[in-house]
Amino acid sequence: MRSTPQGVQRLADDLVRDGPADFRPNPDHRGSLLLEPTPEGHRVPGGITDRAAEVHRTLSAGIAPGDIVAARELPRQVIDRVRRHEDA
């Protein structure tokens, strides 16, 4: 993933405009500002985690935990076999 300084600045400006971040003076460099989370910004990761957990519970309802473990393990086994095949 490549990013440009302009893209990073645009993202920072959007975060400040929308509220989860704010600029503050940089004591080590007068020409650049520091980006820091606002109180709202500190709450964002928890909200994302809460929503993700709710989706996981909904999607996995009625599926046996062992079946979920097996489904997660299968791609790992396939990847391991492909790697061993490529290394042979």
Protein backbone atom coordinates (compact mmCIF):
# COMPACT_ATOMS: atom_id res chain seq x y z
CA MET A 1 0.00 0.00 0.00
CA ARG A 2 1.53 3.26 -1.07
CA SER A 3 0.67 6.63 0.31
CA THR A 4 1.69 10.12 -0.63
CA PRO A 5 2.24 13.04 1.74
CA GLN A 6 -0.81 14.71 0.16
CA GLY A 7 -2.94 11.63 0.82
CA VAL A 8 -1.84 11.45 4.43
CA GLN A 9 -2.55 15.16 4.90
CA ARG A 10 -6.00 14.77 3.33
CA LEU A 11 -6.79 11.91 5.72
CA ALA A 12 -5.58 13.96 8.70
CA ASP A 13 -7.65 16.94 7.60
CA ASP A 14 -10.72 14.70 7.24
CA LEU A 15 -10.22 13.28 10.73
CA VAL A 16 -9.97 16.77 12.20
CA ARG A 17 -13.01 17.99 10.21
CA ASP A 18 -15.11 15.00 11.28
CA GLY A 19 -14.10 15.18 14.95
CA PRO A 20 -12.08 12.11 15.98
CA ALA A 21 -8.75 13.95 15.82
CA ASP A 22 -7.28 17.39 16.32
CA PHE A 23 -4.04 19.12 15.47
CA ARG A 24 -1.80 20.48 18.19
CA PRO A 25 1.52 22.30 18.07
CA ASN A 26 4.61 20.16 17.73
CA PRO A 27 7.16 21.24 20.35
CA ASP A 28 9.96 19.59 18.37
CA HIS A 29 9.15 21.15 15.01
CA ARG A 30 7.37 24.48 14.67
CA GLY A 31 6.59 23.89 11.00
CA SER A 32 4.56 20.73 11.49
CA LEU A 33 1.58 19.95 13.67
CA LEU A 34 0.90 16.77 15.62
CA LEU A 35 -2.29 14.82 15.07
CA GLU A 36 -3.87 13.45 18.23
CA PRO A 37 -7.15 11.72 18.96
CA THR A 38 -9.95 13.68 20.60
CA PRO A 39 -12.09 12.05 23.31
CA GLU A 40 -14.42 10.95 20.49
CA GLY A 41 -11.43 9.50 18.64
CA HIS A 42 -10.42 7.48 21.69
CA ARG A 43 -13.88 5.85 21.67
CA VAL A 44 -13.78 4.84 17.99
CA PRO A 45 -11.69 1.63 18.31
CA GLY A 46 -13.96 0.32 21.07
CA GLY A 47 -17.03 0.94 18.94
CA ILE A 48 -15.48 -0.89 16.01
CA THR A 49 -14.57 -3.82 18.25
CA ASP A 50 -18.07 -3.92 19.76
CA ARG A 51 -19.73 -3.92 16.32
CA ALA A 52 -17.34 -6.59 15.02
CA ALA A 53 -18.05 -8.82 18.02
CA GLU A 54 -21.79 -8.43 17.44
CA VAL A 55 -21.44 -9.38 13.76
CA HIS A 56 -19.29 -12.40 14.67
CA ARG A 57 -21.89 -13.58 17.19
CA THR A 58 -24.68 -13.15 14.64
CA LEU A 59 -22.83 -14.92 11.83
CA SER A 60 -21.65 -17.79 14.00
CA ALA A 61 -24.97 -18.42 15.76
CA GLY A 62 -25.93 -22.05 15.42
CA ILE A 63 -22.53 -23.19 14.13
CA ALA A 64 -20.64 -25.55 16.40
CA PRO A 65 -17.39 -24.04 17.72
CA GLY A 66 -15.47 -27.05 16.43
CA ASP A 67 -16.78 -26.41 12.92
CA ILE A 68 -15.57 -22.81 13.09
CA VAL A 69 -12.13 -23.97 14.22
CA ALA A 70 -12.01 -26.51 11.38
CA ALA A 71 -13.06 -23.87 8.83
CA ARG A 72 -10.28 -21.57 10.03
CA GLU A 73 -7.72 -24.36 9.95
CA LEU A 74 -8.45 -25.57 6.42
CA PRO A 75 -6.99 -22.51 4.59
CA ARG A 76 -3.90 -22.72 6.80
CA GLN A 77 -3.39 -26.33 5.79
CA VAL A 78 -3.82 -25.49 2.10
CA ILE A 79 -1.34 -22.60 2.35
CA ASP A 80 1.20 -24.82 4.13
CA ARG A 81 0.87 -27.46 1.42
CA VAL A 82 1.27 -24.88 -1.35
CA ARG A 83 4.39 -23.50 0.33
CA ARG A 84 5.89 -26.96 0.76
CA HIS A 85 5.11 -27.74 -2.86
CA GLU A 86 6.74 -24.49 -4.03
CA ASP A 87 9.83 -25.16 -1.90
CA ALA A 88 10.24 -28.72 -3.24
